Amino acid sequence: MINGYVIGESLRTGAVFEPEGLRIRKVSRIDVSGSARDAQPSTWTFVEFETDDSHATALSQALAEALEPDMGWYSDFLVGDDQVVVFAGKVFRYRRGDAHGRAEAVAYGRSVGTPEDQLDWKE
């Protein structure tokens, strides 16, 4: 079972995010003014979701198409022993604990403007 979330403000204007099998678990708004950077809003909408592992590829593709390419927004989730990190137009999938795989995703995040302290997904 995949459990993850996407920040509502990270979706590009006009995007439709509706991958097959997605179930919304919770929607919450959180003040992140202490960690928001640059032009990021100070309040984020967390859309928590779940889906079956068999939908991992479709979920990754839907996120890659829906995420705003500016400011380095991303979403991440686990599929079995794999970590999946999705940026606009780019998906990284590597075994949890694979330092090289994580380093590639972090380097990409830096290159697209993800603030350093936000490159902190848990494995």
PDB file of N, CA and C in Angstrom:
ATOM      1  N   MET A   1       0.849  -1.187   0.000  1.00  0.00           N
ATOM      2  CA  MET A   1       0.000   0.000   0.000  1.00  0.00           C
ATOM      3  C   MET A   1       0.886   1.238   0.000  1.00  0.00           C
ATOM      4  N   ILE A   2       0.614   2.150  -0.887  1.00  0.00           N
ATOM      5  CA  ILE A   2       1.320   3.421  -0.964  1.00  0.00           C
ATOM      6  C   ILE A   2       0.565   4.448  -0.132  1.00  0.00           C
ATOM      7  N   ASN A   3       1.284   5.121   0.737  1.00  0.00           N
ATOM      8  CA  ASN A   3       0.755   6.260   1.479  1.00  0.00           C
ATOM      9  C   ASN A   3       1.651   7.441   1.169  1.00  0.00           C
ATOM     10  N   GLY A   4       1.058   8.561   0.816  1.00  0.00           N
ATOM     11  CA  GLY A   4       1.854   9.729   0.498  1.00  0.00           C
ATOM     12  C   GLY A   4       1.014  10.980   0.578  1.00  0.00           C
ATOM     13  N   TYR A   5       1.603  12.053   0.157  1.00  0.00           N
ATOM     14  CA  TYR A   5       0.855  13.308   0.092  1.00  0.00           C
ATOM     15  C   TYR A   5       1.445  14.193  -0.993  1.00  0.00           C
ATOM     16  N   VAL A   6       0.641  15.117  -1.402  1.00  0.00           N
ATOM     17  CA  VAL A   6       1.086  16.165  -2.319  1.00  0.00           C
ATOM     18  C   VAL A   6       0.625  17.481  -1.714  1.00  0.00           C
ATOM     19  N   ILE A   7       1.462  18.478  -1.834  1.00  0.00           N
ATOM     20  CA  ILE A   7       1.109  19.806  -1.339  1.00  0.00           C
ATOM     21  C   ILE A   7       0.293  20.489  -2.428  1.00  0.00           C
ATOM     22  N   GLY A   8      -0.911  20.902  -2.075  1.00  0.00           N
ATOM     23  CA  GLY A   8      -1.814  21.496  -3.056  1.00  0.00           C
ATOM     24  C   GLY A   8      -1.189  22.651  -3.810  1.00  0.00           C
ATOM     25  N   GLU A   9      -0.435  23.478  -3.118  1.00  0.00           N
ATOM     26  CA  GLU A   9       0.192  24.646  -3.737  1.00  0.00           C
ATOM     27  C   GLU A   9       1.308  24.268  -4.709  1.00  0.00           C
ATOM     28  N   SER A  10       1.733  23.003  -4.681  1.00  0.00           N
ATOM     29  CA  SER A  10       2.786  22.548  -5.594  1.00  0.00           C
ATOM     30  C   SER A  10       2.250  22.155  -6.961  1.00  0.00           C
ATOM     31  N   LEU A  11       0.937  22.080  -7.103  1.00  0.00           N
ATOM     32  CA  LEU A  11       0.342  21.718  -8.389  1.00  0.00           C
ATOM     33  C   LEU A  11       0.295  22.948  -9.291  1.00  0.00           C
ATOM     34  N   ARG A  12       0.648  22.754 -10.547  1.00  0.00           N
ATOM     35  CA  ARG A  12       0.655  23.883 -11.472  1.00  0.00           C
ATOM     36  C   ARG A  12      -0.775  24.307 -11.790  1.00  0.00           C
ATOM     37  N   THR A  13      -0.943  25.558 -12.100  1.00  0.00           N
ATOM     38  CA  THR A  13      -2.252  26.090 -12.462  1.00  0.00           C
ATOM     39  C   THR A  13      -2.787  25.329 -13.672  1.00  0.00           C
ATOM     40  N   GLY A  14      -4.009  24.873 -13.567  1.00  0.00           N
ATOM     41  CA  GLY A  14      -4.648  24.132 -14.649  1.00  0.00           C
ATOM     42  C   GLY A  14      -4.418  22.629 -14.590  1.00  0.00           C
ATOM     43  N   ALA A  15      -3.580  22.177 -13.681  1.00  0.00           N
ATOM     44  CA  ALA A  15      -3.293  20.740 -13.580  1.00  0.00           C
ATOM     45  C   ALA A  15      -4.498  19.990 -13.045  1.00  0.00           C
ATOM     46  N   VAL A  16      -4.653  18.781 -13.535  1.00  0.00           N
ATOM     47  CA  VAL A  16      -5.664  17.869 -13.012  1.00  0.00           C
ATOM     48  C   VAL A  16      -4.907  16.639 -12.524  1.00  0.00           C
ATOM     49  N   PHE A  17      -5.016  16.357 -11.239  1.00  0.00           N
ATOM     50  CA  PHE A  17      -4.319  15.228 -10.633  1.00  0.00           C
ATOM     51  C   PHE A  17      -5.358  14.208 -10.209  1.00  0.00           C
ATOM     52  N   GLU A  18      -5.532  13.166 -11.012  1.00  0.00           N
ATOM     53  CA  GLU A  18      -6.543  12.151 -10.716  1.00  0.00           C
ATOM     54  C   GLU A  18      -6.106  10.770 -11.207  1.00  0.00           C
ATOM     55  N   PRO A  19      -4.985  10.266 -10.690  1.00  0.00           N
ATOM     56  CA  PRO A  19      -4.540   8.939 -11.123  1.00  0.00           C
ATOM     57  C   PRO A  19      -5.512   7.858 -10.668  1.00  0.00           C
ATOM     58  N   GLU A  20      -5.597   6.821 -11.466  1.00  0.00           N
ATOM     59  CA  GLU A  20      -6.489   5.705 -11.177  1.00  0.00           C
ATOM     60  C   GLU A  20      -6.166   5.098  -9.815  1.00  0.00           C
ATOM     61  N   GLY A  21      -7.197   4.791  -9.054  1.00  0.00           N
ATOM     62  CA  GLY A  21      -7.048   4.091  -7.786  1.00  0.00           C
ATOM     63  C   GLY A  21      -6.674   4.956  -6.603  1.00  0.00           C
ATOM     64  N   LEU A  22      -6.510   6.257  -6.799  1.00  0.00           N
ATOM     65  CA  LEU A  22      -6.112   7.147  -5.715  1.00  0.00           C
ATOM     66  C   LEU A  22      -7.274   7.360  -4.745  1.00  0.00           C
ATOM     67  N   ARG A  23      -6.982   7.254  -3.471  1.00  0.00           N
ATOM     68  CA  ARG A  23      -7.978   7.516  -2.429  1.00  0.00           C
ATOM     69  C   ARG A  23      -7.433   8.613  -1.512  1.00  0.00           C
ATOM     70  N   ILE A  24      -8.237   9.646  -1.289  1.00  0.00           N
ATOM     71  CA  ILE A  24      -7.849  10.740  -0.406  1.00  0.00           C
ATOM     72  C   ILE A  24      -8.109  10.311   1.031  1.00  0.00           C
ATOM     73  N   ARG A  25      -7.074  10.448   1.871  1.00  0.00           N
ATOM     74  CA  ARG A  25      -7.196  10.081   3.283  1.00  0.00           C
ATOM     75  C   ARG A  25      -7.512  11.288   4.142  1.00  0.00           C
ATOM     76  N   LYS A  26      -6.877  12.422   3.829  1.00  0.00           N
ATOM     77  CA  LYS A  26      -7.069  13.610   4.657  1.00  0.00           C
ATOM     78  C   LYS A  26      -6.544  14.827   3.900  1.00  0.00           C
ATOM     79  N   VAL A  27      -7.162  15.974   4.146  1.00  0.00           N
ATOM     80  CA  VAL A  27      -6.690  17.247   3.615  1.00  0.00           C
ATOM     81  C   VAL A  27      -6.544  18.182   4.813  1.00  0.00           C
ATOM     82  N   SER A  28      -5.376  18.800   4.944  1.00  0.00           N
ATOM     83  CA  SER A  28      -5.146  19.717   6.060  1.00  0.00           C
ATOM     84  C   SER A  28      -4.331  20.915   5.594  1.00  0.00           C
ATOM     85  N   ARG A  29      -4.520  22.032   6.277  1.00  0.00           N
ATOM     86  CA  ARG A  29      -3.762  23.259   5.972  1.00  0.00           C
ATOM     87  C   ARG A  29      -2.852  23.529   7.152  1.00  0.00           C
ATOM     88  N   ILE A  30      -1.567  23.783   6.849  1.00  0.00           N
ATOM     89  CA  ILE A  30      -0.578  23.935   7.906  1.00  0.00           C
ATOM     90  C   ILE A  30       0.252  25.192   7.660  1.00  0.00           C
ATOM     91  N   ASP A  31       0.473  25.945   8.729  1.00  0.00           N
ATOM     92  CA  ASP A  31       1.337  27.120   8.670  1.00  0.00           C
ATOM     93  C   ASP A  31       2.787  26.649   8.647  1.00  0.00           C
ATOM     94  N   VAL A  32       3.477  26.917   7.557  1.00  0.00           N
ATOM     95  CA  VAL A  32       4.878  26.522   7.408  1.00  0.00           C
ATOM     96  C   VAL A  32       5.774  27.755   7.266  1.00  0.00           C
ATOM     97  N   SER A  33       5.313  28.865   7.801  1.00  0.00           N
ATOM     98  CA  SER A  33       6.050  30.112   7.624  1.00  0.00           C
ATOM     99  C   SER A  33       7.482  30.012   8.143  1.00  0.00           C
ATOM    100  N   GLY A  34       7.741  29.124   9.082  1.00  0.00           N
ATOM    101  CA  GLY A  34       9.093  28.947   9.604  1.00  0.00           C
ATOM    102  C   GLY A  34      10.014  28.209   8.658  1.00  0.00           C
ATOM    103  N   SER A  35       9.442  27.469   7.684  1.00  0.00           N
ATOM    104  CA  SER A  35      10.291  26.691   6.772  1.00  0.00           C
ATOM    105  C   SER A  35      10.079  27.031   5.300  1.00  0.00           C
ATOM    106  N   ALA A  36       9.038  27.798   4.974  1.00  0.00           N
ATOM    107  CA  ALA A  36       8.804  28.189   3.582  1.00  0.00           C
ATOM    108  C   ALA A  36       9.948  29.084   3.114  1.00  0.00           C
ATOM    109  N   ARG A  37      10.339  28.927   1.869  1.00  0.00           N
ATOM    110  CA  ARG A  37      11.465  29.688   1.324  1.00  0.00           C
ATOM    111  C   ARG A  37      11.050  30.488   0.097  1.00  0.00           C
ATOM    112  N   ASP A  38      11.783  31.558  -0.144  1.00  0.00           N
ATOM    113  CA  ASP A  38      11.632  32.382  -1.337  1.00  0.00           C
ATOM    114  C   ASP A  38      10.168  32.737  -1.574  1.00  0.00           C
ATOM    115  N   ALA A  39       9.642  32.334  -2.712  1.00  0.00           N
ATOM    116  CA  ALA A  39       8.272  32.698  -3.085  1.00  0.00           C
ATOM    117  C   ALA A  39       7.245  31.649  -2.648  1.00  0.00           C
ATOM    118  N   GLN A  40       7.655  30.678  -1.835  1.00  0.00           N
ATOM    119  CA  GLN A  40       6.697  29.666  -1.381  1.00  0.00           C
ATOM    120  C   GLN A  40       5.670  30.311  -0.454  1.00  0.00           C
ATOM    121  N   PRO A  41       4.422  29.852  -0.540  1.00  0.00           N
ATOM    122  CA  PRO A  41       3.402  30.386   0.374  1.00  0.00           C
ATOM    123  C   PRO A  41       3.684  29.943   1.811  1.00  0.00           C
ATOM    124  N   SER A  42       3.186  30.707   2.776  1.00  0.00           N
ATOM    125  CA  SER A  42       3.441  30.400   4.185  1.00  0.00           C
ATOM    126  C   SER A  42       2.467  29.381   4.757  1.00  0.00           C
ATOM    127  N   THR A  43       1.427  29.059   4.024  1.00  0.00           N
ATOM    128  CA  THR A  43       0.482  28.019   4.430  1.00  0.00           C
ATOM    129  C   THR A  43       0.376  27.013   3.300  1.00  0.00           C
ATOM    130  N   TRP A  44       0.525  25.731   3.647  1.00  0.00           N
ATOM    131  CA  TRP A  44       0.454  24.669   2.643  1.00  0.00           C
ATOM    132  C   TRP A  44      -0.747  23.784   2.907  1.00  0.00           C
ATOM    133  N   THR A  45      -1.331  23.278   1.821  1.00  0.00           N
ATOM    134  CA  THR A  45      -2.443  22.333   1.894  1.00  0.00           C
ATOM    135  C   THR A  45      -1.884  20.942   1.625  1.00  0.00           C
ATOM    136  N   PHE A  46      -1.912  20.087   2.626  1.00  0.00           N
ATOM    137  CA  PHE A  46      -1.421  18.715   2.500  1.00  0.00           C
ATOM    138  C   PHE A  46      -2.588  17.808   2.115  1.00  0.00           C
ATOM    139  N   VAL A  47      -2.474  17.162   0.969  1.00  0.00           N
ATOM    140  CA  VAL A  47      -3.487  16.219   0.499  1.00  0.00           C
ATOM    141  C   VAL A  47      -2.873  14.830   0.663  1.00  0.00           C
ATOM    142  N   GLU A  48      -3.290  14.133   1.722  1.00  0.00           N
ATOM    143  CA  GLU A  48      -2.765  12.803   2.007  1.00  0.00           C
ATOM    144  C   GLU A  48      -3.577  11.779   1.226  1.00  0.00           C
ATOM    145  N   PHE A  49      -2.872  10.833   0.594  1.00  0.00           N
ATOM    146  CA  PHE A  49      -3.543   9.850  -0.249  1.00  0.00           C
ATOM    147  C   PHE A  49      -2.986   8.459  -0.007  1.00  0.00           C
ATOM    148  N   GLU A  50      -3.693   7.491  -0.566  1.00  0.00           N
ATOM    149  CA  GLU A  50      -3.230   6.111  -0.571  1.00  0.00           C
ATOM    150  C   GLU A  50      -3.676   5.459  -1.867  1.00  0.00           C
ATOM    151  N   THR A  51      -2.950   4.434  -2.255  1.00  0.00           N
ATOM    152  CA  THR A  51      -3.298   3.651  -3.427  1.00  0.00           C
ATOM    153  C   THR A  51      -2.553   2.328  -3.343  1.00  0.00           C
ATOM    154  N   ASP A  52      -2.910   1.405  -4.169  1.00  0.00           N
ATOM    155  CA  ASP A  52      -2.244   0.106  -4.187  1.00  0.00           C
ATOM    156  C   ASP A  52      -0.891   0.221  -4.875  1.00  0.00           C
ATOM    157  N   ASP A  53       0.054  -0.633  -4.472  1.00  0.00           N
ATOM    158  CA  ASP A  53       1.396  -0.620  -5.064  1.00  0.00           C
ATOM    159  C   ASP A  53       1.357  -0.748  -6.585  1.00  0.00           C
ATOM    160  N   SER A  54       0.360  -1.443  -7.099  1.00  0.00           N
ATOM    161  CA  SER A  54       0.270  -1.654  -8.550  1.00  0.00           C
ATOM    162  C   SER A  54       0.047  -0.349  -9.319  1.00  0.00           C
ATOM    163  N   HIS A  55      -0.324   0.717  -8.620  1.00  0.00           N
ATOM    164  CA  HIS A  55      -0.565   2.016  -9.261  1.00  0.00           C
ATOM    165  C   HIS A  55       0.637   2.957  -9.161  1.00  0.00           C
ATOM    166  N   ALA A  56       1.792   2.451  -8.707  1.00  0.00           N
ATOM    167  CA  ALA A  56       2.958   3.310  -8.464  1.00  0.00           C
ATOM    168  C   ALA A  56       3.405   4.058  -9.720  1.00  0.00           C
ATOM    169  N   THR A  57       3.481   3.378 -10.834  1.00  0.00           N
ATOM    170  CA  THR A  57       3.955   4.030 -12.060  1.00  0.00           C
ATOM    171  C   THR A  57       2.971   5.104 -12.524  1.00  0.00           C
ATOM    172  N   ALA A  58       1.693   4.790 -12.516  1.00  0.00           N
ATOM    173  CA  ALA A  58       0.682   5.768 -12.926  1.00  0.00           C
ATOM    174  C   ALA A  58       0.669   6.970 -11.974  1.00  0.00           C
ATOM    175  N   LEU A  59       0.821   6.711 -10.684  1.00  0.00           N
ATOM    176  CA  LEU A  59       0.865   7.793  -9.702  1.00  0.00           C
ATOM    177  C   LEU A  59       2.072   8.687  -9.956  1.00  0.00           C
ATOM    178  N   SER A  60       3.229   8.079 -10.174  1.00  0.00           N
ATOM    179  CA  SER A  60       4.457   8.841 -10.449  1.00  0.00           C
ATOM    180  C   SER A  60       4.289   9.720 -11.679  1.00  0.00           C
ATOM    181  N   GLN A  61       3.751   9.153 -12.745  1.00  0.00           N
ATOM    182  CA  GLN A  61       3.566   9.905 -13.984  1.00  0.00           C
ATOM    183  C   GLN A  61       2.575  11.054 -13.792  1.00  0.00           C
ATOM    184  N   ALA A  62       1.494  10.793 -13.056  1.00  0.00           N
ATOM    185  CA  ALA A  62       0.494  11.838 -12.820  1.00  0.00           C
ATOM    186  C   ALA A  62       1.091  12.993 -12.021  1.00  0.00           C
ATOM    187  N   LEU A  63       1.891  12.666 -11.008  1.00  0.00           N
ATOM    188  CA  LEU A  63       2.549  13.722 -10.233  1.00  0.00           C
ATOM    189  C   LEU A  63       3.538  14.503 -11.099  1.00  0.00           C
ATOM    190  N   ALA A  64       4.342  13.794 -11.881  1.00  0.00           N
ATOM    191  CA  ALA A  64       5.338  14.455 -12.739  1.00  0.00           C
ATOM    192  C   ALA A  64       4.676  15.423 -13.710  1.00  0.00           C
ATOM    193  N   GLU A  65       3.475  15.102 -14.155  1.00  0.00           N
ATOM    194  CA  GLU A  65       2.746  15.969 -15.075  1.00  0.00           C
ATOM    195  C   GLU A  65       2.048  17.123 -14.367  1.00  0.00           C
ATOM    196  N   ALA A  66       1.685  16.937 -13.087  1.00  0.00           N
ATOM    197  CA  ALA A  66       0.870  17.927 -12.388  1.00  0.00           C
ATOM    198  C   ALA A  66       1.676  18.932 -11.564  1.00  0.00           C
ATOM    199  N   LEU A  67       2.888  18.566 -11.164  1.00  0.00           N
ATOM    200  CA  LEU A  67       3.663  19.456 -10.295  1.00  0.00           C
ATOM    201  C   LEU A  67       4.160  20.696 -11.030  1.00  0.00           C
ATOM    202  N   GLU A  68       4.153  21.801 -10.324  1.00  0.00           N
ATOM    203  CA  GLU A  68       4.663  23.070 -10.826  1.00  0.00           C
ATOM    204  C   GLU A  68       6.173  22.957 -10.998  1.00  0.00           C
ATOM    205  N   PRO A  69       6.707  23.314 -12.164  1.00  0.00           N
ATOM    206  CA  PRO A  69       8.148  23.171 -12.374  1.00  0.00           C
ATOM    207  C   PRO A  69       8.998  24.219 -11.654  1.00  0.00           C
ATOM    208  N   ASP A  70       8.397  25.295 -11.204  1.00  0.00           N
ATOM    209  CA  ASP A  70       9.162  26.330 -10.502  1.00  0.00           C
ATOM    210  C   ASP A  70       9.278  25.991  -9.015  1.00  0.00           C
ATOM    211  N   MET A  71      10.331  26.402  -8.404  1.00  0.00           N
ATOM    212  CA  MET A  71      10.579  26.289  -6.963  1.00  0.00           C
ATOM    213  C   MET A  71      10.908  24.881  -6.489  1.00  0.00           C
ATOM    214  N   GLY A  72      11.096  23.932  -7.383  1.00  0.00           N
ATOM    215  CA  GLY A  72      11.570  22.617  -6.983  1.00  0.00           C
ATOM    216  C   GLY A  72      10.615  21.777  -6.168  1.00  0.00           C
ATOM    217  N   TRP A  73       9.324  21.971  -6.360  1.00  0.00           N
ATOM    218  CA  TRP A  73       8.349  21.158  -5.632  1.00  0.00           C
ATOM    219  C   TRP A  73       8.545  19.679  -5.972  1.00  0.00           C
ATOM    220  N   TYR A  74       8.257  18.816  -5.014  1.00  0.00           N
ATOM    221  CA  TYR A  74       8.311  17.374  -5.252  1.00  0.00           C
ATOM    222  C   TYR A  74       7.328  16.666  -4.340  1.00  0.00           C
ATOM    223  N   SER A  75       7.100  15.411  -4.626  1.00  0.00           N
ATOM    224  CA  SER A  75       6.316  14.522  -3.772  1.00  0.00           C
ATOM    225  C   SER A  75       7.100  13.224  -3.682  1.00  0.00           C
ATOM    226  N   ASP A  76       6.977  12.533  -2.560  1.00  0.00           N
ATOM    227  CA  ASP A  76       7.691  11.266  -2.413  1.00  0.00           C
ATOM    228  C   ASP A  76       6.809  10.239  -1.716  1.00  0.00           C
ATOM    229  N   PHE A  77       7.122   8.982  -1.972  1.00  0.00           N
ATOM    230  CA  PHE A  77       6.401   7.890  -1.322  1.00  0.00           C
ATOM    231  C   PHE A  77       7.220   6.613  -1.436  1.00  0.00           C
ATOM    232  N   LEU A  78       6.835   5.615  -0.671  1.00  0.00           N
ATOM    233  CA  LEU A  78       7.500   4.312  -0.686  1.00  0.00           C
ATOM    234  C   LEU A  78       6.651   3.299  -1.431  1.00  0.00           C
ATOM    235  N   VAL A  79       7.338   2.418  -2.172  1.00  0.00           N
ATOM    236  CA  VAL A  79       6.702   1.278  -2.825  1.00  0.00           C
ATOM    237  C   VAL A  79       7.546   0.067  -2.436  1.00  0.00           C
ATOM    238  N   GLY A  80       7.075  -0.698  -1.480  1.00  0.00           N
ATOM    239  CA  GLY A  80       7.868  -1.820  -0.991  1.00  0.00           C
ATOM    240  C   GLY A  80       9.180  -1.308  -0.433  1.00  0.00           C
ATOM    241  N   ASP A  81      10.299  -1.783  -0.983  1.00  0.00           N
ATOM    242  CA  ASP A  81      11.630  -1.346  -0.550  1.00  0.00           C
ATOM    243  C   ASP A  81      12.175  -0.186  -1.375  1.00  0.00           C
ATOM    244  N   ASP A  82      11.363   0.373  -2.255  1.00  0.00           N
ATOM    245  CA  ASP A  82      11.806   1.457  -3.121  1.00  0.00           C
ATOM    246  C   ASP A  82      11.287   2.804  -2.636  1.00  0.00           C
ATOM    247  N   GLN A  83      12.149   3.795  -2.759  1.00  0.00           N
ATOM    248  CA  GLN A  83      11.788   5.186  -2.514  1.00  0.00           C
ATOM    249  C   GLN A  83      11.499   5.821  -3.865  1.00  0.00           C
ATOM    250  N   VAL A  84      10.398   6.530  -3.973  1.00  0.00           N
ATOM    251  CA  VAL A  84      10.052   7.236  -5.203  1.00  0.00           C
ATOM    252  C   VAL A  84       9.982   8.726  -4.882  1.00  0.00           C
ATOM    253  N   VAL A  85      10.719   9.523  -5.639  1.00  0.00           N
ATOM    254  CA  VAL A  85      10.725  10.975  -5.474  1.00  0.00           C
ATOM    255  C   VAL A  85      10.379  11.561  -6.842  1.00  0.00           C
ATOM    256  N   VAL A  86       9.318  12.365  -6.867  1.00  0.00           N
ATOM    257  CA  VAL A  86       8.802  12.889  -8.132  1.00  0.00           C
ATOM    258  C   VAL A  86       8.879  14.411  -8.148  1.00  0.00           C
ATOM    259  N   PHE A  87       9.549  14.940  -9.151  1.00  0.00           N
ATOM    260  CA  PHE A  87       9.595  16.363  -9.441  1.00  0.00           C
ATOM    261  C   PHE A  87       8.791  16.587 -10.726  1.00  0.00           C
ATOM    262  N   ALA A  88       8.534  17.828 -11.077  1.00  0.00           N
ATOM    263  CA  ALA A  88       7.857  18.113 -12.343  1.00  0.00           C
ATOM    264  C   ALA A  88       8.697  17.541 -13.485  1.00  0.00           C
ATOM    265  N   GLY A  89       8.125  16.609 -14.216  1.00  0.00           N
ATOM    266  CA  GLY A  89       8.785  16.040 -15.383  1.00  0.00           C
ATOM    267  C   GLY A  89       9.885  15.037 -15.103  1.00  0.00           C
ATOM    268  N   LYS A  90      10.101  14.649 -13.847  1.00  0.00           N
ATOM    269  CA  LYS A  90      11.227  13.760 -13.518  1.00  0.00           C
ATOM    270  C   LYS A  90      10.865  12.864 -12.337  1.00  0.00           C
ATOM    271  N   VAL A  91      11.130  11.564 -12.493  1.00  0.00           N
ATOM    272  CA  VAL A  91      10.849  10.585 -11.445  1.00  0.00           C
ATOM    273  C   VAL A  91      12.131   9.851 -11.094  1.00  0.00           C
ATOM    274  N   PHE A  92      12.400   9.748  -9.804  1.00  0.00           N
ATOM    275  CA  PHE A  92      13.513   8.953  -9.300  1.00  0.00           C
ATOM    276  C   PHE A  92      12.942   7.795  -8.492  1.00  0.00           C
ATOM    277  N   ARG A  93      13.460   6.601  -8.745  1.00  0.00           N
ATOM    278  CA  ARG A  93      13.055   5.426  -7.978  1.00  0.00           C
ATOM    279  C   ARG A  93      14.323   4.643  -7.656  1.00  0.00           C
ATOM    280  N   TYR A  94      14.554   4.439  -6.378  1.00  0.00           N
ATOM    281  CA  TYR A  94      15.756   3.731  -5.952  1.00  0.00           C
ATOM    282  C   TYR A  94      15.453   2.932  -4.688  1.00  0.00           C
ATOM    283  N   ARG A  95      16.272   1.940  -4.405  1.00  0.00           N
ATOM    284  CA  ARG A  95      16.132   1.136  -3.192  1.00  0.00           C
ATOM    285  C   ARG A  95      16.395   2.004  -1.973  1.00  0.00           C
ATOM    286  N   ARG A  96      15.566   1.888  -0.957  1.00  0.00           N
ATOM    287  CA  ARG A  96      15.817   2.614   0.284  1.00  0.00           C
ATOM    288  C   ARG A  96      17.225   2.268   0.768  1.00  0.00           C
ATOM    289  N   GLY A  97      17.943   3.267   1.194  1.00  0.00           N
ATOM    290  CA  GLY A  97      19.301   3.056   1.662  1.00  0.00           C
ATOM    291  C   GLY A  97      20.359   3.168   0.579  1.00  0.00           C
ATOM    292  N   ASP A  98      19.954   3.285  -0.678  1.00  0.00           N
ATOM    293  CA  ASP A  98      20.894   3.428  -1.795  1.00  0.00           C
ATOM    294  C   ASP A  98      21.388   4.878  -1.821  1.00  0.00           C
ATOM    295  N   ALA A  99      22.585   5.105  -1.282  1.00  0.00           N
ATOM    296  CA  ALA A  99      23.124   6.459  -1.165  1.00  0.00           C
ATOM    297  C   ALA A  99      23.283   7.129  -2.525  1.00  0.00           C
ATOM    298  N   HIS A 100      23.689   6.364  -3.536  1.00  0.00           N
ATOM    299  CA  HIS A 100      23.868   6.931  -4.875  1.00  0.00           C
ATOM    300  C   HIS A 100      22.517   7.380  -5.458  1.00  0.00           C
ATOM    301  N   GLY A 101      21.497   6.538  -5.324  1.00  0.00           N
ATOM    302  CA  GLY A 101      20.173   6.888  -5.835  1.00  0.00           C
ATOM    303  C   GLY A 101      19.615   8.131  -5.151  1.00  0.00           C
ATOM    304  N   ARG A 102      19.785   8.182  -3.827  1.00  0.00           N
ATOM    305  CA  ARG A 102      19.319   9.353  -3.087  1.00  0.00           C
ATOM    306  C   ARG A 102      20.096  10.598  -3.523  1.00  0.00           C
ATOM    307  N   ALA A 103      21.413  10.467  -3.660  1.00  0.00           N
ATOM    308  CA  ALA A 103      22.251  11.603  -4.050  1.00  0.00           C
ATOM    309  C   ALA A 103      21.825  12.159  -5.411  1.00  0.00           C
ATOM    310  N   GLU A 104      21.463  11.290  -6.341  1.00  0.00           N
ATOM    311  CA  GLU A 104      21.000  11.758  -7.657  1.00  0.00           C
ATOM    312  C   GLU A 104      19.720  12.581  -7.524  1.00  0.00           C
ATOM    313  N   ALA A 105      18.782  12.094  -6.713  1.00  0.00           N
ATOM    314  CA  ALA A 105      17.516  12.813  -6.526  1.00  0.00           C
ATOM    315  C   ALA A 105      17.755  14.144  -5.821  1.00  0.00           C
ATOM    316  N   VAL A 106      18.603  14.155  -4.803  1.00  0.00           N
ATOM    317  CA  VAL A 106      18.915  15.389  -4.078  1.00  0.00           C
ATOM    318  C   VAL A 106      19.595  16.397  -5.014  1.00  0.00           C
ATOM    319  N   ALA A 107      20.557  15.927  -5.800  1.00  0.00           N
ATOM    320  CA  ALA A 107      21.257  16.816  -6.735  1.00  0.00           C
ATOM    321  C   ALA A 107      20.280  17.429  -7.735  1.00  0.00           C
ATOM    322  N   TYR A 108      19.348  16.615  -8.221  1.00  0.00           N
ATOM    323  CA  TYR A 108      18.358  17.134  -9.150  1.00  0.00           C
ATOM    324  C   TYR A 108      17.493  18.186  -8.453  1.00  0.00           C
ATOM    325  N   GLY A 109      17.059  17.886  -7.224  1.00  0.00           N
ATOM    326  CA  GLY A 109      16.262  18.847  -6.467  1.00  0.00           C
ATOM    327  C   GLY A 109      16.976  20.180  -6.323  1.00  0.00           C
ATOM    328  N   ARG A 110      18.249  20.129  -5.984  1.00  0.00           N
ATOM    329  CA  ARG A 110      19.037  21.367  -5.884  1.00  0.00           C
ATOM    330  C   ARG A 110      19.041  22.113  -7.221  1.00  0.00           C
ATOM    331  N   SER A 111      19.190  21.354  -8.319  1.00  0.00           N
ATOM    332  CA  SER A 111      19.304  21.978  -9.642  1.00  0.00           C
ATOM    333  C   SER A 111      18.018  22.674 -10.083  1.00  0.00           C
ATOM    334  N   VAL A 112      16.879  22.251  -9.519  1.00  0.00           N
ATOM    335  CA  VAL A 112      15.602  22.871  -9.896  1.00  0.00           C
ATOM    336  C   VAL A 112      15.071  23.814  -8.821  1.00  0.00           C
ATOM    337  N   GLY A 113      15.906  24.081  -7.799  1.00  0.00           N
ATOM    338  CA  GLY A 113      15.543  25.108  -6.826  1.00  0.00           C
ATOM    339  C   GLY A 113      14.889  24.647  -5.545  1.00  0.00           C
ATOM    340  N   THR A 114      14.907  23.361  -5.255  1.00  0.00           N
ATOM    341  CA  THR A 114      14.356  22.903  -3.975  1.00  0.00           C
ATOM    342  C   THR A 114      15.270  23.419  -2.860  1.00  0.00           C
ATOM    343  N   PRO A 115      14.718  24.114  -1.882  1.00  0.00           N
ATOM    344  CA  PRO A 115      15.552  24.576  -0.770  1.00  0.00           C
ATOM    345  C   PRO A 115      16.237  23.389  -0.077  1.00  0.00           C
ATOM    346  N   GLU A 116      17.475  23.592   0.301  1.00  0.00           N
ATOM    347  CA  GLU A 116      18.296  22.523   0.891  1.00  0.00           C
ATOM    348  C   GLU A 116      17.606  21.833   2.060  1.00  0.00           C
ATOM    349  N   ASP A 117      17.006  22.611   2.947  1.00  0.00           N
ATOM    350  CA  ASP A 117      16.382  22.015   4.128  1.00  0.00           C
ATOM    351  C   ASP A 117      15.073  21.279   3.812  1.00  0.00           C
ATOM    352  N   GLN A 118      14.613  21.364   2.561  1.00  0.00           N
ATOM    353  CA  GLN A 118      13.409  20.639   2.175  1.00  0.00           C
ATOM    354  C   GLN A 118      13.730  19.353   1.407  1.00  0.00           C
ATOM    355  N   LEU A 119      15.006  19.067   1.215  1.00  0.00           N
ATOM    356  CA  LEU A 119      15.425  17.821   0.567  1.00  0.00           C
ATOM    357  C   LEU A 119      15.593  16.742   1.634  1.00  0.00           C
ATOM    358  N   ASP A 120      14.558  16.539   2.414  1.00  0.00           N
ATOM    359  CA  ASP A 120      14.652  15.746   3.631  1.00  0.00           C
ATOM    360  C   ASP A 120      13.669  14.574   3.695  1.00  0.00           C
ATOM    361  N   TRP A 121      13.308  14.014   2.542  1.00  0.00           N
ATOM    362  CA  TRP A 121      12.343  12.918   2.592  1.00  0.00           C
ATOM    363  C   TRP A 121      12.899  11.772   3.418  1.00  0.00           C
ATOM    364  N   LYS A 122      11.978  11.083   4.090  1.00  0.00           N
ATOM    365  CA  LYS A 122      12.358   9.950   4.947  1.00  0.00           C
ATOM    366  C   LYS A 122      12.362   8.673   4.127  1.00  0.00           C
ATOM    367  N   GLU A 123      13.276   7.796   4.445  1.00  0.00           N
ATOM    368  CA  GLU A 123      13.338   6.502   3.749  1.00  0.00           C
ATOM    369  C   GLU A 123      12.941   5.401   4.699  1.00  0.00           C
TER     370      GLU A 123
END
